[in-house]
């Protein structure tokens, strides 16, 4: 319980600082955002604005999948990738709500582990939020 509160406060502080500083896309890449974010997350927390897939879902290499969001912010864009495993898999205006791609071989989870799918959301190139889902990706 105490750890959850500390992690939540750390994440809130991070996003408050980023919002206050208005860090543009050119200065902080999606990968850098992911590195900072991942150091402060709890894999059992919610998925943010991601409706599908649910946490701990199982995907297979070569499978056609999609990531679906619940909110449509007119000026937001999203970049979707597996943290430290893949390059950009899908992205574009969040008003599309559903983003399709094929699961690449680089996304395979370690034995008895999971892969972390990140969705970095920006508005006018400024960081807004990072949503994530833990998935089991099998060959």
N, C-alpha and C. Protein backbone atom coordinates (compact mmCIF):
# COMPACT_ATOMS: atom_id res chain seq x y z
N UNK A 1 0.83 -1.19 0.00
CA UNK A 1 0.00 0.00 0.00
C UNK A 1 0.88 1.26 0.00
N UNK A 2 1.87 1.28 0.89
CA UNK A 2 2.76 2.43 0.98
C UNK A 2 3.55 2.61 -0.32
N UNK A 3 4.01 1.48 -0.89
CA UNK A 3 4.76 1.53 -2.15
C UNK A 3 3.88 2.07 -3.29
N UNK A 4 2.64 1.64 -3.33
CA UNK A 4 1.71 2.11 -4.36
C UNK A 4 1.52 3.62 -4.27
N UNK A 5 1.39 4.12 -3.07
CA UNK A 5 1.21 5.56 -2.88
C UNK A 5 2.47 6.31 -3.32
N UNK A 6 3.63 5.78 -2.96
CA UNK A 6 4.89 6.43 -3.34
C UNK A 6 5.06 6.44 -4.86
N UNK A 7 4.77 5.30 -5.51
CA UNK A 7 4.89 5.21 -6.96
C UNK A 7 3.90 6.16 -7.63
N UNK A 8 2.68 6.20 -7.13
CA UNK A 8 1.67 7.10 -7.69
C UNK A 8 2.12 8.55 -7.57
N UNK A 9 2.64 8.91 -6.41
CA UNK A 9 3.13 10.28 -6.22
C UNK A 9 4.30 10.59 -7.13
N UNK A 10 5.21 9.62 -7.32
CA UNK A 10 6.35 9.83 -8.21
C UNK A 10 5.89 10.06 -9.64
N UNK A 11 4.94 9.26 -10.10
CA UNK A 11 4.42 9.42 -11.47
C UNK A 11 3.73 10.77 -11.62
N UNK A 12 2.92 11.13 -10.62
CA UNK A 12 2.23 12.41 -10.66
C UNK A 12 3.22 13.57 -10.70
N UNK A 13 4.26 13.48 -9.87
CA UNK A 13 5.29 14.51 -9.86
C UNK A 13 5.98 14.60 -11.22
N UNK A 14 6.31 13.45 -11.80
CA UNK A 14 6.96 13.43 -13.11
C UNK A 14 6.11 14.15 -14.15
N UNK A 15 4.82 13.80 -14.24
CA UNK A 15 3.98 14.42 -15.24
C UNK A 15 3.72 15.90 -14.95
N UNK A 16 3.67 16.26 -13.68
CA UNK A 16 3.50 17.67 -13.33
C UNK A 16 4.73 18.47 -13.77
N UNK A 17 5.92 17.92 -13.52
CA UNK A 17 7.15 18.60 -13.94
C UNK A 17 7.24 18.70 -15.46
N UNK A 18 6.92 17.61 -16.15
CA UNK A 18 6.97 17.63 -17.62
C UNK A 18 5.98 18.65 -18.16
N UNK A 19 4.77 18.65 -17.60
CA UNK A 19 3.76 19.60 -18.07
C UNK A 19 4.20 21.04 -17.79
N UNK A 20 4.76 21.27 -16.62
CA UNK A 20 5.18 22.62 -16.26
C UNK A 20 6.33 23.10 -17.14
N UNK A 21 7.20 22.18 -17.52
CA UNK A 21 8.35 22.55 -18.34
C UNK A 21 8.02 22.56 -19.82
N UNK A 22 6.88 21.98 -20.21
CA UNK A 22 6.49 21.90 -21.62
C UNK A 22 7.63 21.38 -22.49
N UNK A 23 8.12 20.21 -22.16
CA UNK A 23 9.24 19.62 -22.90
C UNK A 23 8.76 19.21 -24.29
N UNK A 24 9.32 19.76 -25.36
CA UNK A 24 8.87 19.42 -26.70
C UNK A 24 9.43 18.09 -27.19
N UNK A 25 8.84 17.59 -28.24
CA UNK A 25 9.21 16.31 -28.85
C UNK A 25 10.68 16.27 -29.23
N UNK A 26 11.21 17.34 -29.75
CA UNK A 26 12.59 17.37 -30.23
C UNK A 26 13.59 17.21 -29.09
N UNK A 27 13.22 17.56 -27.88
CA UNK A 27 14.14 17.49 -26.75
C UNK A 27 14.06 16.14 -26.04
N UNK A 28 12.88 15.58 -25.89
CA UNK A 28 12.70 14.33 -25.17
C UNK A 28 12.00 13.33 -26.09
N UNK A 29 12.73 12.31 -26.52
CA UNK A 29 12.17 11.33 -27.45
C UNK A 29 11.22 10.38 -26.72
N UNK A 30 10.43 9.64 -27.49
CA UNK A 30 9.51 8.67 -26.89
C UNK A 30 10.27 7.62 -26.08
N UNK A 31 11.44 7.23 -26.56
CA UNK A 31 12.24 6.24 -25.82
C UNK A 31 12.71 6.81 -24.49
N UNK A 32 13.13 8.07 -24.48
CA UNK A 32 13.55 8.70 -23.22
C UNK A 32 12.37 8.84 -22.26
N UNK A 33 11.22 9.19 -22.78
CA UNK A 33 10.01 9.27 -21.96
C UNK A 33 9.73 7.88 -21.36
N UNK A 34 9.84 6.85 -22.19
CA UNK A 34 9.61 5.48 -21.72
C UNK A 34 10.57 5.09 -20.62
N UNK A 35 11.84 5.43 -20.77
CA UNK A 35 12.84 5.11 -19.74
C UNK A 35 12.49 5.75 -18.40
N UNK A 36 12.13 7.01 -18.42
CA UNK A 36 11.77 7.71 -17.19
C UNK A 36 10.50 7.11 -16.60
N UNK A 37 9.51 6.88 -17.45
CA UNK A 37 8.23 6.36 -16.99
C UNK A 37 8.36 4.97 -16.39
N UNK A 38 9.07 4.07 -17.06
CA UNK A 38 9.19 2.69 -16.62
C UNK A 38 9.89 2.60 -15.28
N UNK A 39 10.79 3.50 -14.99
CA UNK A 39 11.48 3.45 -13.71
C UNK A 39 10.54 3.76 -12.55
N UNK A 40 9.33 4.24 -12.85
CA UNK A 40 8.40 4.63 -11.79
C UNK A 40 7.05 3.92 -11.82
N UNK A 41 6.89 2.85 -12.62
CA UNK A 41 5.56 2.26 -12.72
C UNK A 41 5.40 1.03 -11.85
N UNK A 42 4.15 0.71 -11.63
CA UNK A 42 3.75 -0.52 -10.94
C UNK A 42 2.94 -1.31 -11.97
N UNK A 43 3.43 -2.49 -12.36
CA UNK A 43 2.81 -3.27 -13.44
C UNK A 43 1.38 -3.69 -13.12
N UNK A 44 0.95 -3.58 -11.88
CA UNK A 44 -0.40 -3.99 -11.52
C UNK A 44 -1.40 -2.84 -11.57
N UNK A 45 -0.93 -1.64 -11.90
CA UNK A 45 -1.84 -0.51 -11.99
C UNK A 45 -2.66 -0.60 -13.27
N UNK A 46 -3.57 0.35 -13.44
CA UNK A 46 -4.44 0.36 -14.60
C UNK A 46 -3.70 0.65 -15.89
N UNK A 47 -4.43 0.63 -16.99
CA UNK A 47 -3.84 0.80 -18.32
C UNK A 47 -4.06 2.20 -18.89
N UNK A 48 -4.47 3.14 -18.07
CA UNK A 48 -4.70 4.50 -18.57
C UNK A 48 -5.88 4.53 -19.52
N UNK A 49 -5.69 5.12 -20.70
CA UNK A 49 -6.77 5.23 -21.68
C UNK A 49 -6.82 4.06 -22.65
N UNK A 50 -6.04 3.01 -22.41
CA UNK A 50 -6.07 1.83 -23.28
C UNK A 50 -7.24 0.93 -22.88
N UNK A 51 -8.14 0.69 -23.82
CA UNK A 51 -9.29 -0.17 -23.59
C UNK A 51 -8.94 -1.62 -23.92
N UNK A 52 -8.19 -1.80 -25.01
CA UNK A 52 -7.78 -3.13 -25.44
C UNK A 52 -6.35 -3.05 -25.93
N UNK A 53 -5.52 -3.97 -25.57
CA UNK A 53 -5.71 -5.23 -24.87
C UNK A 53 -5.72 -5.04 -23.35
N UNK A 54 -6.27 -6.00 -22.63
CA UNK A 54 -6.22 -5.93 -21.17
C UNK A 54 -4.83 -6.35 -20.67
N UNK A 55 -4.51 -5.99 -19.44
CA UNK A 55 -3.25 -6.43 -18.83
C UNK A 55 -3.17 -7.95 -18.83
N UNK A 56 -1.97 -8.47 -19.03
CA UNK A 56 -1.67 -9.90 -19.01
C UNK A 56 -2.32 -10.71 -20.12
N UNK A 57 -2.73 -10.03 -21.19
CA UNK A 57 -3.24 -10.73 -22.37
C UNK A 57 -2.06 -11.45 -23.04
N UNK A 58 -2.33 -12.44 -23.88
CA UNK A 58 -1.28 -13.16 -24.58
C UNK A 58 -1.37 -12.88 -26.07
N UNK A 59 -0.23 -12.47 -26.65
CA UNK A 59 -0.11 -12.23 -28.07
C UNK A 59 0.96 -13.17 -28.62
N UNK A 60 0.91 -13.41 -29.92
CA UNK A 60 1.87 -14.29 -30.60
C UNK A 60 2.55 -13.54 -31.73
N UNK A 61 3.83 -13.83 -31.95
CA UNK A 61 4.58 -13.22 -33.04
C UNK A 61 3.86 -13.49 -34.36
N UNK A 62 3.70 -12.45 -35.17
CA UNK A 62 3.02 -12.57 -36.45
C UNK A 62 1.52 -12.34 -36.37
N UNK A 63 0.97 -12.26 -35.18
CA UNK A 63 -0.46 -12.04 -34.99
C UNK A 63 -0.82 -10.59 -35.33
N UNK A 64 -1.94 -10.40 -36.02
CA UNK A 64 -2.46 -9.06 -36.29
C UNK A 64 -3.24 -8.63 -35.05
N UNK A 65 -2.82 -7.53 -34.44
CA UNK A 65 -3.42 -7.06 -33.19
C UNK A 65 -3.79 -5.59 -33.32
N UNK A 66 -4.47 -5.08 -32.32
CA UNK A 66 -4.74 -3.65 -32.28
C UNK A 66 -4.71 -3.16 -30.84
N UNK A 67 -4.44 -1.88 -30.70
CA UNK A 67 -4.51 -1.20 -29.41
C UNK A 67 -5.62 -0.17 -29.56
N UNK A 68 -6.58 -0.20 -28.65
CA UNK A 68 -7.74 0.68 -28.73
C UNK A 68 -7.78 1.60 -27.51
N UNK A 69 -8.08 2.87 -27.74
CA UNK A 69 -8.13 3.88 -26.68
C UNK A 69 -9.56 4.30 -26.42
N UNK A 70 -9.86 4.72 -25.18
CA UNK A 70 -11.21 5.12 -24.84
C UNK A 70 -11.50 6.59 -25.08
N UNK A 71 -10.51 7.44 -24.96
CA UNK A 71 -10.74 8.88 -25.10
C UNK A 71 -10.22 9.40 -26.43
N UNK A 72 -10.94 10.36 -26.97
CA UNK A 72 -10.51 11.02 -28.20
C UNK A 72 -10.21 12.47 -27.89
N UNK A 73 -8.95 12.84 -27.86
CA UNK A 73 -8.56 14.24 -27.70
C UNK A 73 -8.16 14.74 -29.08
N UNK A 74 -8.84 15.73 -29.61
CA UNK A 74 -8.65 16.14 -31.00
C UNK A 74 -7.22 16.44 -31.42
N UNK A 75 -6.41 17.01 -30.56
CA UNK A 75 -5.06 17.41 -30.95
C UNK A 75 -3.99 16.40 -30.55
N UNK A 76 -4.38 15.28 -29.94
CA UNK A 76 -3.38 14.31 -29.46
C UNK A 76 -2.95 13.34 -30.54
N UNK A 77 -1.67 12.95 -30.45
CA UNK A 77 -1.13 11.88 -31.28
C UNK A 77 -0.59 10.81 -30.33
N UNK A 78 -0.40 9.60 -30.86
CA UNK A 78 0.10 8.51 -30.03
C UNK A 78 1.18 7.76 -30.78
N UNK A 79 2.18 7.27 -30.03
CA UNK A 79 3.23 6.40 -30.55
C UNK A 79 3.21 5.13 -29.72
N UNK A 80 3.11 3.97 -30.38
CA UNK A 80 2.98 2.69 -29.68
C UNK A 80 4.19 1.82 -29.97
N UNK A 81 4.80 1.28 -28.92
CA UNK A 81 5.97 0.41 -29.07
C UNK A 81 6.15 -0.44 -27.82
N UNK A 82 6.92 -1.53 -27.94
CA UNK A 82 7.28 -2.35 -26.79
C UNK A 82 8.55 -1.76 -26.19
N UNK A 83 8.53 -1.47 -24.91
CA UNK A 83 9.63 -0.83 -24.23
C UNK A 83 10.92 -1.65 -24.35
N UNK A 84 11.97 -0.99 -24.83
CA UNK A 84 13.30 -1.59 -25.00
C UNK A 84 13.31 -2.85 -25.87
N UNK A 85 12.30 -3.03 -26.71
CA UNK A 85 12.26 -4.21 -27.57
C UNK A 85 12.02 -3.88 -29.02
N UNK A 86 11.17 -2.91 -29.30
CA UNK A 86 10.83 -2.62 -30.70
C UNK A 86 10.91 -1.12 -30.97
N UNK A 87 10.95 -0.82 -32.25
CA UNK A 87 10.80 0.56 -32.69
C UNK A 87 9.29 0.84 -32.74
N UNK A 88 8.93 1.97 -33.29
CA UNK A 88 7.53 2.35 -33.40
C UNK A 88 6.74 1.29 -34.16
N UNK A 89 5.62 0.85 -33.58
CA UNK A 89 4.77 -0.17 -34.21
C UNK A 89 3.54 0.45 -34.87
N UNK A 90 3.02 1.48 -34.24
CA UNK A 90 1.83 2.15 -34.77
C UNK A 90 1.78 3.55 -34.16
N UNK A 91 0.99 4.39 -34.78
CA UNK A 91 0.85 5.74 -34.24
C UNK A 91 0.04 6.62 -35.17
N UNK A 92 -0.23 7.81 -34.69
CA UNK A 92 -1.00 8.78 -35.46
C UNK A 92 -1.96 9.52 -34.57
N UNK A 93 -2.92 10.22 -35.16
CA UNK A 93 -3.91 10.97 -34.36
C UNK A 93 -4.73 10.01 -33.49
N UNK A 94 -4.90 10.36 -32.24
CA UNK A 94 -5.62 9.48 -31.31
C UNK A 94 -7.10 9.38 -31.67
N UNK A 95 -7.59 10.30 -32.49
CA UNK A 95 -9.00 10.24 -32.89
C UNK A 95 -9.30 8.98 -33.70
N UNK A 96 -8.27 8.31 -34.20
CA UNK A 96 -8.49 7.02 -34.88
C UNK A 96 -8.92 5.95 -33.89
N UNK A 97 -8.58 6.11 -32.62
CA UNK A 97 -8.92 5.25 -31.49
C UNK A 97 -8.33 3.84 -31.55
N UNK A 98 -8.24 3.22 -32.72
CA UNK A 98 -7.73 1.85 -32.83
C UNK A 98 -6.54 1.83 -33.78
N UNK A 99 -5.44 1.21 -33.32
CA UNK A 99 -4.20 1.18 -34.09
C UNK A 99 -3.78 -0.27 -34.29
N UNK A 100 -3.70 -0.68 -35.56
CA UNK A 100 -3.39 -2.06 -35.92
C UNK A 100 -1.91 -2.22 -36.27
N UNK A 101 -1.37 -3.41 -35.94
CA UNK A 101 -0.01 -3.76 -36.34
C UNK A 101 0.17 -5.27 -36.18
N UNK A 102 1.29 -5.77 -36.67
CA UNK A 102 1.64 -7.18 -36.55
C UNK A 102 2.69 -7.30 -35.46
N UNK A 103 2.53 -8.25 -34.55
CA UNK A 103 3.47 -8.43 -33.45
C UNK A 103 4.82 -8.89 -34.00
N UNK A 104 5.88 -8.11 -33.77
CA UNK A 104 7.20 -8.46 -34.32
C UNK A 104 7.94 -9.47 -33.42
N UNK A 105 8.90 -10.18 -33.98
CA UNK A 105 9.67 -11.17 -33.19
C UNK A 105 10.44 -10.53 -32.03
N UNK A 106 10.82 -9.26 -32.16
CA UNK A 106 11.57 -8.59 -31.10
C UNK A 106 10.75 -8.40 -29.83
N UNK A 107 9.44 -8.55 -29.91
CA UNK A 107 8.57 -8.30 -28.76
C UNK A 107 8.40 -9.51 -27.85
N UNK A 108 9.01 -10.65 -28.19
CA UNK A 108 8.85 -11.86 -27.39
C UNK A 108 9.26 -11.61 -25.94
N UNK A 109 8.42 -12.05 -25.02
CA UNK A 109 8.68 -11.89 -23.59
C UNK A 109 9.76 -12.85 -23.14
N UNK A 110 10.50 -12.48 -22.08
CA UNK A 110 11.47 -13.42 -21.52
C UNK A 110 10.72 -14.61 -20.90
N UNK A 111 11.40 -15.74 -20.69
CA UNK A 111 10.72 -16.90 -20.09
C UNK A 111 10.05 -16.52 -18.77
N UNK A 112 8.80 -16.91 -18.64
CA UNK A 112 7.99 -16.60 -17.45
C UNK A 112 7.87 -15.10 -17.17
N UNK A 113 8.04 -14.28 -18.19
CA UNK A 113 7.98 -12.83 -18.02
C UNK A 113 6.95 -12.19 -18.93
N UNK A 114 6.98 -10.89 -18.95
CA UNK A 114 6.05 -10.13 -19.78
C UNK A 114 6.81 -9.08 -20.58
N UNK A 115 6.12 -8.53 -21.56
CA UNK A 115 6.63 -7.41 -22.34
C UNK A 115 5.75 -6.20 -22.02
N UNK A 116 6.35 -5.02 -22.03
CA UNK A 116 5.63 -3.81 -21.67
C UNK A 116 5.34 -3.00 -22.93
N UNK A 117 4.06 -2.88 -23.26
CA UNK A 117 3.63 -2.09 -24.41
C UNK A 117 3.34 -0.67 -23.93
N UNK A 118 4.04 0.30 -24.51
CA UNK A 118 3.85 1.70 -24.13
C UNK A 118 3.14 2.46 -25.22
N UNK A 119 2.31 3.40 -24.81
CA UNK A 119 1.64 4.32 -25.73
C UNK A 119 1.92 5.73 -25.22
N UNK A 120 2.79 6.45 -25.92
CA UNK A 120 3.15 7.80 -25.53
C UNK A 120 2.22 8.77 -26.26
N UNK A 121 1.46 9.54 -25.46
CA UNK A 121 0.50 10.48 -26.06
C UNK A 121 1.03 11.91 -25.93
N UNK A 122 0.92 12.64 -27.05
CA UNK A 122 1.39 14.02 -27.10
C UNK A 122 0.30 14.91 -27.71
N UNK A 123 0.35 16.18 -27.33
CA UNK A 123 -0.53 17.18 -27.94
C UNK A 123 0.36 18.32 -28.43
N UNK A 124 0.29 18.58 -29.72
CA UNK A 124 1.16 19.60 -30.33
C UNK A 124 2.63 19.36 -29.96
N UNK A 125 3.05 18.11 -30.00
CA UNK A 125 4.42 17.67 -29.71
C UNK A 125 4.79 17.71 -28.23
N UNK A 126 3.89 18.09 -27.34
CA UNK A 126 4.18 18.14 -25.92
C UNK A 126 3.59 16.91 -25.23
N UNK A 127 4.39 16.31 -24.36
CA UNK A 127 3.99 15.10 -23.66
C UNK A 127 2.72 15.33 -22.85
N UNK A 128 1.74 14.43 -23.01
CA UNK A 128 0.49 14.49 -22.25
C UNK A 128 0.38 13.33 -21.27
N UNK A 129 0.67 12.10 -21.74
CA UNK A 129 0.51 10.92 -20.88
C UNK A 129 1.24 9.74 -21.49
N UNK A 130 1.49 8.75 -20.66
CA UNK A 130 2.03 7.47 -21.11
C UNK A 130 1.11 6.39 -20.57
N UNK A 131 0.49 5.65 -21.48
CA UNK A 131 -0.36 4.51 -21.09
C UNK A 131 0.43 3.24 -21.36
N UNK A 132 0.12 2.19 -20.62
CA UNK A 132 0.89 0.96 -20.79
C UNK A 132 0.05 -0.28 -20.46
N UNK A 133 0.48 -1.40 -21.03
CA UNK A 133 -0.14 -2.69 -20.79
C UNK A 133 0.98 -3.73 -20.72
N UNK A 134 0.90 -4.62 -19.74
CA UNK A 134 1.85 -5.74 -19.69
C UNK A 134 1.23 -6.91 -20.45
N UNK A 135 2.02 -7.50 -21.35
CA UNK A 135 1.53 -8.58 -22.20
C UNK A 135 2.49 -9.76 -22.18
N UNK A 136 1.95 -10.94 -22.40
CA UNK A 136 2.77 -12.13 -22.63
C UNK A 136 2.86 -12.28 -24.14
N UNK A 137 4.08 -12.14 -24.68
CA UNK A 137 4.27 -12.29 -26.13
C UNK A 137 5.06 -13.58 -26.36
N UNK A 138 4.44 -14.51 -27.07
CA UNK A 138 5.03 -15.81 -27.30
C UNK A 138 5.42 -15.97 -28.77
N UNK A 139 6.46 -16.82 -29.04
CA UNK A 139 6.89 -17.02 -30.43
C UNK A 139 5.83 -17.72 -31.27
